[in-house]
Amino acid sequence: MKKVKNEKKTHFKRRNKKRKLKIKKEKKREEDLFEKIREKLERKGGETQKLEKKKKKRQEKQEKEKKKKNEK
């Protein structure tokens, strides 16, 4: 009878280990997804900053050209 009890215990131990591993994997997947989303948002933020800089440069060039035309 002792063998049967031990087998049952090991069965539940294995089951619990598998459950814990699944939970860990799910958490890791979620963290990875959040990291990817954060990276994308950071990239987009960087891209918008670059675009704003380009717009400012264009505006400055246009203003310089207008000043030159007005001087002539």
Protein backbone atom coordinates (compact mmCIF):
# COMPACT_ATOMS: atom_id res chain seq x y z
CA MET A 1 0.00 0.00 0.00
CA LYS A 2 2.85 2.36 0.70
CA LYS A 3 3.99 2.13 -2.88
CA VAL A 4 0.61 3.21 -4.16
CA LYS A 5 0.56 6.23 -1.84
CA ASN A 6 4.02 7.24 -2.97
CA GLU A 7 3.03 6.90 -6.59
CA LYS A 8 0.06 9.16 -6.02
CA LYS A 9 2.28 11.72 -4.35
CA THR A 10 4.75 11.69 -7.20
CA HIS A 11 1.91 12.02 -9.67
CA PHE A 12 0.70 15.18 -7.98
CA LYS A 13 4.24 16.49 -7.63
CA ARG A 14 4.77 16.09 -11.35
CA ARG A 15 1.44 17.72 -12.09
CA ASN A 16 2.25 20.66 -9.84
CA LYS A 17 5.69 21.06 -11.43
CA LYS A 18 4.14 21.13 -14.88
CA ARG A 19 1.57 23.67 -13.75
CA LYS A 20 4.28 25.90 -12.25
CA LEU A 21 6.33 25.66 -15.43
CA LYS A 22 3.32 26.63 -17.53
CA ILE A 23 2.68 29.65 -15.32
CA LYS A 24 6.34 30.71 -15.58
CA LYS A 25 6.27 30.37 -19.36
CA GLU A 26 3.08 32.43 -19.61
CA LYS A 27 4.56 35.17 -17.44
CA LYS A 28 7.71 35.19 -19.53
CA ARG A 29 5.69 35.45 -22.75
CA GLU A 30 3.69 38.35 -21.35
CA GLU A 31 6.88 40.14 -20.26
CA ASP A 32 8.41 39.61 -23.69
CA LEU A 33 5.31 41.01 -25.36
CA PHE A 34 5.33 44.06 -23.11
CA GLU A 35 9.02 44.60 -23.86
CA LYS A 36 8.38 44.41 -27.59
CA ILE A 37 5.52 46.89 -27.29
CA ARG A 38 7.71 49.24 -25.25
CA GLU A 39 10.47 49.02 -27.85
CA LYS A 40 8.02 49.81 -30.64
CA LEU A 41 6.67 52.80 -28.75
CA GLU A 42 10.20 54.04 -28.09
CA ARG A 43 11.04 53.68 -31.77
CA LYS A 44 7.92 55.56 -32.75
CA GLY A 45 8.80 58.26 -30.25
CA GLY A 46 12.27 58.51 -31.75
CA GLU A 47 10.86 58.62 -35.26
CA THR A 48 8.47 61.41 -34.39
CA GLN A 49 11.35 63.40 -32.91
CA LYS A 50 13.33 62.92 -36.10
CA LEU A 51 10.38 64.04 -38.19
CA GLU A 52 9.92 67.12 -36.01
CA LYS A 53 13.59 68.01 -36.45
CA LYS A 54 13.26 67.64 -40.23
CA LYS A 55 10.17 69.87 -40.22
CA LYS A 56 12.02 72.52 -38.23
CA LYS A 57 14.96 72.43 -40.65
CA ARG A 58 12.60 72.78 -43.61
CA GLN A 59 10.86 75.72 -42.00
CA GLU A 60 14.19 77.40 -41.26
CA LYS A 61 15.31 76.93 -44.86
CA GLN A 62 12.04 78.35 -46.14
CA GLU A 63 12.33 81.35 -43.83
CA LYS A 64 15.90 81.99 -45.02
CA GLU A 65 14.79 81.80 -48.64
CA LYS A 66 11.92 84.22 -47.97
CA LYS A 67 14.32 86.66 -46.28
CA LYS A 68 16.69 86.48 -49.26
CA LYS A 69 13.82 87.15 -51.68
CA ASN A 70 12.60 90.08 -49.60
CA GLU A 71 16.11 91.59 -49.46
CA LYS A 72 16.42 91.50 -53.25
